[in-house]
């Protein structure tokens, strides 16, 4: 008996499995591991993303060497078509895996054609990038997936697992605790993050990610077909690709292919649309007549129209041109935000926002949970960009991890000596809150924790009247501005409940940076 040929379909499934596992492994490796080095290219998926590369370079008006690797995907797309979405993209693979749970209800009427939406989004992203309004991080599939996992799914997963084993340890019999301890040790060593973290905007990030999966209820791969701007960019490139699918004359128009195609790229009367086909190859496996073939040629067939309305496209372009200007002339731009402290190595605010892809990698790797997603502190254009909140965590003096994982160079990679001198803020004392000033009680916690070599916090011995009406001599702290780097450890460690007695504000104009 002749051995059955190994189907290409299995190679596609193997590729999806390998890249999804690679994505999950790199996601886990984006964490503190006991040393201030991450020797792996944990941001490789972002560096391969042509949409991130195009947007960041347009915003920066410069070539960003970190992102030149995306040219590999562009080149392969021009040869193979939209293979990235069917063989590589981890979000697409997760959508395929979720299909048994989220299979759409049976269609009772034709689904409106929404394919053009992704082209409008793509045009909006690129136009606004040129004009200084960075929005790619709100729509790029890798940004949405990594940020949702980093600030919502991963902390929830860690908290749930730790709580479960803690409950077994406290409430279960002693023999069960003995069995569970090795299992929990395995989880900690291989699957769980270095420590439990909590993030602002975690619920919003989770809802955005969840909505992508919920759209599967409307139709399969709804996000990929209709909304993904990266898919829109690859779709345009695929229209001139060498590898094309076409239908042989032996086709009996049974329409099995149209029913199983997850991207609705096949029509027996029109052929295979290269801009929509993601090379999943289900049609090759299921066609009863073997009438579908993929060849390195360009069959003489009409391209499927993009479906872009001239009026809608002009409206998109107009919005992309007007919105950045409207945001730049707000009065709020002239009011410095007291709480907006950027990570060490961050570019100037405009450059930083232009390059930052809101991926959450820096927040995930931050050792002390200090970096949090912004809300509207820098306007809507700064949503989800990283900011340091000292009351939650402080910038570790001996850590440079955030610059190592940033995929776009929005946070520059610094050596440890450079980082330890990098000024991101300035501490000052609230004399209405600080214990030695407000209560006349000794406290030296902030000075003890200050990490700089000559201590940026000093004391003056002062004669004061304490709360009991007695005259005492105590040490009152003050800040040496020339030494303070704004790491936030003084505010974080202040023993007061609520607002600290020492506060950190962003670096001031004219100071070293």
Protein backbone atom coordinates (compact mmCIF):
# COMPACT_ATOMS: atom_id res chain seq x y z
CA UNK A 1 0.00 0.00 0.00
CA UNK A 2 1.36 3.37 -1.01
CA UNK A 3 2.16 5.63 1.93
CA UNK A 4 0.04 8.77 2.11
CA UNK A 5 1.94 11.94 1.41
CA UNK A 6 2.44 14.17 4.46
CA UNK A 7 -0.06 17.05 3.96
CA UNK A 8 1.08 20.65 4.00
CA UNK A 9 -1.79 21.28 6.38
CA UNK A 10 0.15 19.54 9.15
CA UNK A 11 3.18 21.72 8.49
CA UNK A 12 1.00 24.79 8.99
CA UNK A 13 -0.32 23.44 12.28
CA UNK A 14 3.20 22.59 13.38
CA UNK A 15 4.37 26.11 12.51
CA UNK A 16 1.50 27.66 14.46
CA UNK A 17 2.29 25.47 17.46
CA UNK A 18 6.01 26.27 17.39
CA UNK A 19 5.53 30.03 17.12
CA UNK A 20 2.81 30.11 19.77
CA UNK A 21 5.07 28.19 22.16
CA UNK A 22 7.96 30.49 21.26
CA UNK A 23 5.78 33.50 21.99
CA UNK A 24 4.72 32.10 25.38
CA UNK A 25 8.30 31.15 26.31
CA UNK A 26 9.60 34.62 25.40
CA UNK A 27 6.70 36.17 27.32
CA UNK A 28 7.73 34.24 30.40
CA UNK A 29 11.40 35.10 29.91
CA UNK A 30 10.45 38.80 29.90
CA UNK A 31 10.90 38.86 33.65
CA UNK A 32 13.47 39.31 36.34
CA UNK A 33 15.49 36.11 36.77
CA UNK A 34 17.91 37.05 39.52
CA UNK A 35 20.25 39.07 37.34
CA UNK A 36 20.18 42.36 35.50
CA UNK A 37 20.45 40.81 32.07
CA UNK A 38 17.96 39.25 29.66
CA UNK A 39 20.14 37.38 27.16
CA UNK A 40 17.22 36.46 24.87
CA UNK A 41 15.56 38.55 22.17
CA UNK A 42 12.27 38.59 24.07
CA UNK A 43 10.91 41.41 21.87
CA UNK A 44 11.55 39.60 18.59
CA UNK A 45 7.85 39.47 17.61
CA UNK A 46 7.61 43.27 17.75
CA UNK A 47 10.81 43.66 15.78
CA UNK A 48 9.31 41.47 13.04
CA UNK A 49 6.11 43.55 12.90
CA UNK A 50 6.07 45.78 9.76
CA UNK A 51 3.24 47.92 11.14
CA UNK A 52 5.15 48.75 14.32
CA UNK A 53 8.25 49.47 12.25
CA UNK A 54 6.46 51.75 9.79
CA UNK A 55 4.60 53.69 12.47
CA UNK A 56 7.61 54.14 14.77
CA UNK A 57 9.92 55.22 11.93
CA UNK A 58 7.38 57.66 10.53
CA UNK A 59 6.88 59.15 13.99
CA UNK A 60 10.62 59.34 14.64
CA UNK A 61 11.39 60.46 11.07
CA UNK A 62 14.40 58.19 11.26
CA UNK A 63 15.48 54.63 10.57
CA UNK A 64 15.23 52.53 13.74
CA UNK A 65 17.75 49.73 13.41
CA UNK A 66 15.97 47.57 16.00
CA UNK A 67 12.96 47.31 13.68
CA UNK A 68 14.73 46.62 10.38
CA UNK A 69 14.16 42.91 10.99
CA UNK A 70 10.55 43.52 9.89
CA UNK A 71 11.85 43.70 6.32
CA UNK A 72 12.16 39.91 6.48
CA UNK A 73 8.38 39.64 6.90
CA UNK A 74 7.82 42.19 4.14
CA UNK A 75 10.07 40.24 1.77
CA UNK A 76 8.49 36.89 2.56
CA UNK A 77 5.02 38.39 2.15
CA UNK A 78 5.91 39.59 -1.33
CA UNK A 79 6.86 36.01 -2.14
CA UNK A 80 4.42 33.86 -0.17
CA UNK A 81 1.48 36.19 0.38
CA UNK A 82 -0.26 36.67 3.72
CA UNK A 83 1.39 33.62 5.31
CA UNK A 84 2.17 35.59 8.49
CA UNK A 85 -1.46 35.54 9.63
CA UNK A 86 -1.94 31.82 9.10
CA UNK A 87 1.45 30.37 10.04
CA UNK A 88 3.08 32.81 12.43
CA UNK A 89 0.80 35.20 14.34
CA UNK A 90 0.20 33.94 17.92
CA UNK A 91 -3.02 35.94 18.24
CA UNK A 92 -4.39 34.27 15.12
CA UNK A 93 -3.42 30.87 16.52
CA UNK A 94 -5.16 31.62 19.82
CA UNK A 95 -8.27 32.66 17.89
CA UNK A 96 -8.19 29.35 16.04
CA UNK A 97 -7.78 27.43 19.30
CA UNK A 98 -10.71 29.29 20.86
CA UNK A 99 -13.06 28.42 17.99
CA UNK A 100 -14.68 25.40 19.73
CA UNK A 101 -15.74 27.73 22.57
CA UNK A 102 -16.58 30.77 20.47
CA UNK A 103 -17.95 29.27 17.26
CA UNK A 104 -20.35 31.75 15.66
CA UNK A 105 -24.03 30.99 15.58
CA UNK A 106 -25.46 29.78 12.28
CA UNK A 107 -25.84 32.60 9.84
CA UNK A 108 -29.42 33.58 9.19
CA UNK A 109 -28.60 36.40 6.79
CA UNK A 110 -25.52 37.53 4.84
CA UNK A 111 -22.83 39.18 6.93
CA UNK A 112 -22.07 42.76 5.80
CA UNK A 113 -18.69 43.20 4.18
CA UNK A 114 -16.43 44.90 6.71
CA UNK A 115 -13.07 44.06 5.13
CA UNK A 116 -12.38 47.68 4.28
CA UNK A 117 -12.27 48.68 7.96
CA UNK A 118 -8.71 47.41 8.37
CA UNK A 119 -7.55 49.63 5.49
CA UNK A 120 -9.12 52.70 7.09
CA UNK A 121 -7.40 51.86 10.38
CA UNK A 122 -4.09 51.33 8.59
CA UNK A 123 -4.33 54.69 6.82
CA UNK A 124 -5.30 56.45 10.07
CA UNK A 125 -2.36 54.91 11.96
CA UNK A 126 0.24 55.86 9.35
CA UNK A 127 -1.08 59.39 8.76
CA UNK A 128 -1.26 60.21 12.46
CA UNK A 129 2.21 58.74 12.99
CA UNK A 130 3.63 61.23 10.50
CA UNK A 131 1.90 64.08 12.34
CA UNK A 132 3.00 63.03 15.80
CA UNK A 133 -0.09 61.25 17.14
CA UNK A 134 0.96 57.69 18.03
CA UNK A 135 -1.96 55.24 17.94
CA UNK A 136 -0.36 52.05 16.65
CA UNK A 137 -0.23 50.60 20.17
CA UNK A 138 -4.02 50.72 20.40
CA UNK A 139 -4.55 48.52 17.32
CA UNK A 140 -1.41 46.47 16.66
CA UNK A 141 -2.18 42.79 17.40
CA UNK A 142 1.06 42.12 19.29
CA UNK A 143 0.62 45.22 21.43
CA UNK A 144 -2.93 44.25 22.32
CA UNK A 145 -2.00 40.64 23.09
CA UNK A 146 1.17 41.29 25.10
CA UNK A 147 -0.28 44.22 27.05
CA UNK A 148 -3.45 42.31 27.91
CA UNK A 149 -1.45 39.32 29.06
CA UNK A 150 1.19 41.36 30.91
CA UNK A 151 -1.04 43.68 32.93
CA UNK A 152 -4.14 41.51 33.33
CA UNK A 153 -3.89 37.79 32.52
CA UNK A 154 -0.45 37.08 33.99
CA UNK A 155 -1.06 38.82 37.37
CA UNK A 156 -4.45 37.10 37.64
CA UNK A 157 -2.93 33.72 36.80
CA UNK A 158 -0.18 34.14 39.38
CA UNK A 159 -2.59 35.33 42.08
CA UNK A 160 -5.01 32.45 41.43
CA UNK A 161 -2.35 29.74 41.52
CA UNK A 162 -0.64 31.19 44.60
CA UNK A 163 -3.97 31.57 46.43
CA UNK A 164 -4.97 28.00 45.64
CA UNK A 165 -1.76 26.50 46.99
CA UNK A 166 -1.82 28.85 49.97
CA UNK A 167 -5.32 27.57 50.78
CA UNK A 168 -4.10 23.97 50.57
CA UNK A 169 -1.21 24.81 52.88
CA UNK A 170 -3.37 26.56 55.47
CA UNK A 171 -6.57 24.52 55.39
CA UNK A 172 -5.62 21.14 53.97
CA UNK A 173 -4.21 18.16 55.84
CA UNK A 174 -0.47 18.05 56.39
CA UNK A 175 0.04 15.11 54.02
CA UNK A 176 -1.60 17.09 51.19
CA UNK A 177 0.69 20.04 51.81
CA UNK A 178 3.66 17.75 51.43
CA UNK A 179 2.40 16.66 48.03
CA UNK A 180 1.44 20.13 46.83
CA UNK A 181 4.74 21.82 47.70
CA UNK A 182 6.75 20.21 44.83
CA UNK A 183 3.96 21.06 42.41
CA UNK A 184 3.94 24.71 43.49
CA UNK A 185 7.74 24.80 43.29
CA UNK A 186 7.47 23.59 39.69
CA UNK A 187 4.95 26.32 38.91
CA UNK A 188 7.16 29.00 40.47
CA UNK A 189 10.25 27.84 38.62
CA UNK A 190 8.67 27.44 35.19
CA UNK A 191 5.27 29.08 34.75
CA UNK A 192 4.78 31.86 37.29
CA UNK A 193 6.33 35.35 37.18
CA UNK A 194 9.04 36.45 39.60
CA UNK A 195 6.56 38.15 41.91
CA UNK A 196 2.93 39.17 42.21
CA UNK A 197 2.19 42.45 40.45
CA UNK A 198 -0.80 44.74 40.28
CA UNK A 199 -1.53 47.23 37.53
CA UNK A 200 -3.78 50.18 36.93
CA UNK A 201 -6.00 49.79 33.84
CA UNK A 202 -5.66 46.00 34.06
CA UNK A 203 -9.41 45.49 33.70
CA UNK A 204 -9.59 47.80 30.67
CA UNK A 205 -6.66 46.00 29.03
CA UNK A 206 -8.36 42.66 29.65
CA UNK A 207 -11.68 43.86 28.22
CA UNK A 208 -9.98 45.06 25.03
CA UNK A 209 -8.24 41.71 24.57
CA UNK A 210 -11.40 39.80 25.46
CA UNK A 211 -13.40 41.76 22.89
CA UNK A 212 -11.14 40.46 20.11
CA UNK A 213 -12.04 36.91 21.08
CA UNK A 214 -15.71 37.80 21.60
CA UNK A 215 -15.88 39.01 17.99
CA UNK A 216 -15.41 35.38 16.96
CA UNK A 217 -19.09 34.97 17.82
CA UNK A 218 -19.94 37.15 14.83
CA UNK A 219 -17.75 35.31 12.36
CA UNK A 220 -14.55 33.33 12.31
CA UNK A 221 -11.35 35.39 12.40
CA UNK A 222 -13.42 38.58 12.54
CA UNK A 223 -10.47 40.57 13.87
CA UNK A 224 -8.07 39.27 11.23
CA UNK A 225 -10.44 39.77 8.31
CA UNK A 226 -11.95 43.11 9.20
CA UNK A 227 -10.03 45.07 11.82
CA UNK A 228 -6.36 44.12 12.11
CA UNK A 229 -4.29 46.96 10.58
CA UNK A 230 -1.23 44.71 10.39
CA UNK A 231 -3.39 42.30 8.42
CA UNK A 232 -4.42 45.22 6.20
CA UNK A 233 -0.78 46.08 5.48
CA UNK A 234 0.09 42.46 4.71
CA UNK A 235 -3.06 42.15 2.60
CA UNK A 236 -1.94 45.04 0.38
CA UNK A 237 1.51 43.50 -0.03
CA UNK A 238 -0.01 40.09 -0.78
CA UNK A 239 -1.89 41.45 -3.77
CA UNK A 240 1.41 41.45 -5.67
CA UNK A 241 2.87 38.27 -4.14
CA UNK A 242 4.29 35.44 -6.27
CA UNK A 243 2.54 32.53 -4.56
CA UNK A 244 -1.10 32.45 -5.58
CA UNK A 245 -3.98 30.10 -5.13
CA UNK A 246 -6.16 29.31 -8.11
CA UNK A 247 -9.00 26.99 -8.98
CA UNK A 248 -8.55 24.36 -11.67
CA UNK A 249 -11.17 23.68 -14.39
CA UNK A 250 -12.01 20.38 -12.65
CA UNK A 251 -13.91 22.33 -9.94
CA UNK A 252 -17.57 21.19 -9.71
CA UNK A 253 -18.56 24.32 -7.73
CA UNK A 254 -19.50 22.28 -4.68
CA UNK A 255 -18.55 25.30 -2.53
CA UNK A 256 -16.99 23.22 0.23
CA UNK A 257 -14.01 25.58 0.08
CA UNK A 258 -16.16 28.65 0.65
CA UNK A 259 -17.74 27.03 3.70
CA UNK A 260 -14.47 26.09 5.40
CA UNK A 261 -12.30 29.10 4.49
CA UNK A 262 -11.71 30.98 7.71
CA UNK A 263 -10.84 34.18 5.84
CA UNK A 264 -13.63 33.91 3.22
CA UNK A 265 -10.97 34.32 0.56
CA UNK A 266 -12.33 31.76 -1.92
CA UNK A 267 -15.12 32.05 -4.44
CA UNK A 268 -15.38 29.32 -7.13
CA UNK A 269 -16.51 31.93 -9.63
CA UNK A 270 -13.83 34.53 -8.80
CA UNK A 271 -10.93 32.37 -7.57
CA UNK A 272 -8.69 32.78 -4.50
CA UNK A 273 -8.15 36.36 -3.32
CA UNK A 274 -4.42 36.67 -2.49
CA UNK A 275 -4.99 39.70 -0.27
CA UNK A 276 -7.34 37.75 2.00
CA UNK A 277 -5.94 34.22 1.90
CA UNK A 278 -3.71 33.44 4.89
CA UNK A 279 -2.48 30.12 3.46
CA UNK A 280 -4.18 27.98 6.10
CA UNK A 281 -4.48 25.28 3.37
CA UNK A 282 -7.72 23.85 4.71
CA UNK A 283 -9.09 24.04 1.18
CA UNK A 284 -6.31 21.78 -0.15
CA UNK A 285 -7.14 19.19 2.47
CA UNK A 286 -10.91 19.30 2.08
CA UNK A 287 -11.51 19.88 -1.63
CA UNK A 288 -13.10 16.62 -2.93
CA UNK A 289 -11.81 17.15 -6.46
CA UNK A 290 -8.35 18.50 -5.57
CA UNK A 291 -9.19 21.47 -7.74
CA UNK A 292 -7.33 24.08 -5.72
CA UNK A 293 -3.61 24.65 -6.18
CA UNK A 294 -1.04 27.13 -4.92
CA UNK A 295 1.61 27.95 -7.52
CA UNK A 296 4.41 30.48 -7.89
CA UNK A 297 2.77 32.35 -10.73
CA UNK A 298 0.14 34.96 -11.26
CA UNK A 299 -2.97 33.44 -12.85
CA UNK A 300 -4.90 35.77 -15.07
CA UNK A 301 -7.73 36.66 -12.73
CA UNK A 302 -9.25 39.88 -11.49
CA UNK A 303 -8.22 41.05 -8.03
CA UNK A 304 -10.97 41.25 -5.44
CA UNK A 305 -11.81 44.95 -4.89
CA UNK A 306 -10.57 46.47 -1.64
CA UNK A 307 -14.08 47.66 -0.90
CA UNK A 308 -12.78 51.05 0.21
CA UNK A 309 -15.32 53.84 -0.14
CA UNK A 310 -13.82 57.04 -1.52
CA UNK A 311 -15.91 59.14 0.85
CA UNK A 312 -14.96 57.03 3.90
CA UNK A 313 -11.29 57.05 2.92
CA UNK A 314 -11.27 60.84 2.52
CA UNK A 315 -12.96 61.10 5.93
CA UNK A 316 -10.29 58.84 7.44
CA UNK A 317 -7.48 60.92 5.94
CA UNK A 318 -9.11 64.15 7.09
CA UNK A 319 -9.49 62.81 10.63
CA UNK A 320 -5.87 61.67 10.63
CA UNK A 321 -4.77 65.14 9.54
CA UNK A 322 -6.98 67.17 11.88
CA UNK A 323 -6.90 65.15 15.11
CA UNK A 324 -3.14 65.44 15.85
CA UNK A 325 -3.27 69.21 15.36
CA UNK A 326 -6.37 69.53 17.55
CA UNK A 327 -4.70 67.61 20.36
CA UNK A 328 -1.51 69.66 20.16
CA UNK A 329 -3.28 72.99 20.70
CA UNK A 330 -5.02 71.99 23.95
CA UNK A 331 -4.40 74.25 26.92
CA UNK A 332 -3.65 71.17 28.99
CA UNK A 333 -0.41 70.76 27.05
CA UNK A 334 0.92 73.86 28.81
CA UNK A 335 0.19 72.47 32.28
CA UNK A 336 2.95 70.12 33.50
CA UNK A 337 1.60 66.86 34.91
CA UNK A 338 3.01 66.41 38.41
CA UNK A 339 2.70 62.64 38.39
CA UNK A 340 4.02 61.82 34.91
CA UNK A 341 7.43 60.25 35.54
CA UNK A 342 8.83 58.28 32.62
CA UNK A 343 11.21 55.31 32.89
CA UNK A 344 14.98 55.93 32.93
CA UNK A 345 16.26 56.14 29.38
CA UNK A 346 12.94 57.39 27.97
CA UNK A 347 13.29 59.81 25.07
CA UNK A 348 11.87 63.31 25.24
CA UNK A 349 8.09 63.24 25.68
CA UNK A 350 7.12 63.77 22.03
CA UNK A 351 9.72 61.29 20.78
CA UNK A 352 8.83 58.81 23.49
CA UNK A 353 5.13 58.84 22.68
CA UNK A 354 5.89 58.54 18.98
CA UNK A 355 7.99 55.42 19.39
CA UNK A 356 6.23 53.71 22.31
CA UNK A 357 4.00 50.90 21.06
CA UNK A 358 2.18 50.42 24.41
CA UNK A 359 3.23 46.77 24.52
CA UNK A 360 3.60 46.58 28.31
CA UNK A 361 6.95 44.76 28.12
CA UNK A 362 8.69 47.35 30.32
CA UNK A 363 5.89 47.17 32.90
CA UNK A 364 6.04 43.41 32.98
CA UNK A 365 9.80 43.31 33.52
CA UNK A 366 9.90 46.12 36.09
CA UNK A 367 11.34 44.53 39.20
CA UNK A 368 9.36 46.53 41.77
CA UNK A 369 6.07 46.92 39.87
CA UNK A 370 6.82 50.66 39.61
CA UNK A 371 5.92 51.11 35.94
CA UNK A 372 2.19 51.38 35.37
CA UNK A 373 0.03 52.10 32.31
CA UNK A 374 -0.89 55.77 31.98
CA UNK A 375 -4.47 56.95 31.81
CA UNK A 376 -4.87 60.54 30.55
CA UNK A 377 -1.92 62.14 32.34
CA UNK A 378 -0.39 63.01 28.96
CA UNK A 379 -3.67 63.17 27.05
CA UNK A 380 -5.40 60.41 25.08
CA UNK A 381 -2.27 59.97 22.96
CA UNK A 382 -0.43 58.74 26.06
CA UNK A 383 -2.94 56.07 27.06
CA UNK A 384 -1.23 52.82 28.17
CA UNK A 385 2.26 54.32 27.91
CA UNK A 386 4.48 53.52 30.94
CA UNK A 387 4.77 55.86 33.90
CA UNK A 388 6.44 55.41 37.26
CA UNK A 389 4.16 55.59 40.33
CA UNK A 390 6.47 55.66 43.38
CA UNK A 391 3.75 54.87 45.91
CA UNK A 392 3.22 51.53 44.14
CA UNK A 393 6.89 50.76 43.46
CA UNK A 394 10.24 52.41 42.95
CA UNK A 395 12.87 52.29 40.23
CA UNK A 396 15.46 49.74 41.35
CA UNK A 397 18.90 51.40 41.45
CA UNK A 398 20.68 48.31 40.06
CA UNK A 399 18.21 47.46 37.28
CA UNK A 400 18.31 48.26 33.54
CA UNK A 401 15.73 45.73 32.33
CA UNK A 402 13.13 48.13 30.88
CA UNK A 403 15.57 49.45 28.29
CA UNK A 404 16.58 45.91 27.36
CA UNK A 405 13.05 44.78 26.48
CA UNK A 406 11.74 47.94 24.74
CA UNK A 407 11.26 46.88 21.09
CA UNK A 408 11.26 50.34 19.50
CA UNK A 409 13.93 52.28 21.37
CA UNK A 410 11.40 54.52 23.12
CA UNK A 411 13.32 53.54 26.27
CA UNK A 412 17.01 53.55 25.47
CA UNK A 413 19.19 50.67 26.58
CA UNK A 414 21.51 51.99 29.30
CA UNK A 415 24.53 50.51 30.99
CA UNK A 416 24.21 50.21 34.76
CA UNK A 417 26.53 53.19 35.46
CA UNK A 418 24.56 55.31 32.97
CA UNK A 419 21.26 54.29 34.48
CA UNK A 420 22.40 55.03 38.04
CA UNK A 421 23.11 58.62 36.99
CA UNK A 422 19.96 59.04 34.90
CA UNK A 423 17.66 61.65 36.43
CA UNK A 424 13.94 60.97 36.00
CA UNK A 425 12.49 63.05 38.82
CA UNK A 426 13.04 65.18 41.88
CA UNK A 427 11.96 64.53 45.46
CA UNK A 428 10.58 67.20 47.76
CA UNK A 429 9.08 67.15 51.25
CA UNK A 430 5.48 67.97 52.06
CA UNK A 431 5.96 69.67 55.42
CA UNK A 432 2.28 69.23 56.23
CA UNK A 433 2.71 65.46 56.00
CA UNK A 434 6.37 64.63 56.72
CA UNK A 435 6.57 63.30 60.29
CA UNK A 436 9.55 65.40 61.57
CA UNK A 437 7.94 68.58 60.20
CA UNK A 438 4.25 67.94 60.90
CA UNK A 439 4.49 66.07 64.21
CA UNK A 440 7.91 66.87 65.59
CA UNK A 441 8.71 63.14 65.77
CA UNK A 442 12.05 61.69 64.52
CA UNK A 443 11.95 59.69 61.29
CA UNK A 444 14.90 58.83 59.02
CA UNK A 445 13.36 56.14 56.78
CA UNK A 446 13.72 58.12 53.54
CA UNK A 447 17.41 58.84 54.09
CA UNK A 448 18.15 55.23 55.00
CA UNK A 449 16.75 53.95 51.71
CA UNK A 450 18.21 56.62 49.40
CA UNK A 451 20.49 54.61 47.04
CA UNK A 452 22.79 57.31 45.63
CA UNK A 453 26.37 57.22 46.91
CA UNK A 454 26.42 60.48 48.87
CA UNK A 455 22.72 60.41 49.85
CA UNK A 456 20.41 62.89 48.15
CA UNK A 457 18.53 63.32 51.43
CA UNK A 458 20.31 65.07 54.31
CA UNK A 459 19.22 66.34 57.73
CA UNK A 460 19.29 69.62 59.60
CA UNK A 461 19.11 69.61 63.36
CA UNK A 462 16.28 71.94 64.29
CA UNK A 463 14.67 73.02 67.54
CA UNK A 464 10.90 72.44 67.31
CA UNK A 465 7.88 72.16 69.55
CA UNK A 466 6.38 68.67 69.31
CA UNK A 467 2.73 67.62 69.68
CA UNK A 468 3.10 67.45 73.46
CA UNK A 469 4.19 71.08 73.59
CA UNK A 470 7.78 70.23 74.48
CA UNK A 471 10.78 71.83 72.83
CA UNK A 472 12.97 69.15 71.25
CA UNK A 473 15.88 69.03 68.84
CA UNK A 474 15.38 66.63 65.96
CA UNK A 475 16.62 66.00 62.45
CA UNK A 476 14.46 67.38 59.64
CA UNK A 477 15.19 66.05 56.14
CA UNK A 478 15.84 68.05 52.99
CA UNK A 479 16.77 67.15 49.39
CA UNK A 480 20.09 67.82 47.64
CA UNK A 481 18.73 68.52 44.16
CA UNK A 482 22.08 67.96 42.44
CA UNK A 483 22.17 64.37 43.75
CA UNK A 484 18.53 63.29 43.52
CA UNK A 485 17.71 61.04 40.54
CA UNK A 486 13.98 60.67 41.30
CA UNK A 487 13.95 56.88 41.72
CA UNK A 488 10.99 57.14 44.10
CA UNK A 489 12.22 54.82 46.82
CA UNK A 490 11.86 57.57 49.45
CA UNK A 491 8.18 58.08 48.57
CA UNK A 492 7.60 54.33 48.37
CA UNK A 493 9.13 53.57 51.77
CA UNK A 494 7.60 56.53 53.63
CA UNK A 495 5.76 54.96 56.62
CA UNK A 496 2.76 57.28 56.42
CA UNK A 497 -0.58 55.86 55.34
CA UNK A 498 -2.01 57.39 52.18
CA UNK A 499 0.02 60.18 50.61
CA UNK A 500 3.69 60.12 51.54
CA UNK A 501 5.50 62.92 53.32
CA UNK A 502 8.10 62.98 50.55
CA UNK A 503 6.92 63.17 46.95
CA UNK A 504 8.64 62.75 43.60
CA UNK A 505 7.82 64.92 40.61
CA UNK A 506 9.12 64.63 37.02
CA UNK A 507 12.56 65.96 36.20
CA UNK A 508 12.54 69.73 35.96
CA UNK A 509 13.70 71.73 32.90
CA UNK A 510 17.30 72.79 33.23
CA UNK A 511 18.35 69.93 35.50
CA UNK A 512 20.61 67.13 34.33
CA UNK A 513 18.87 64.15 32.79
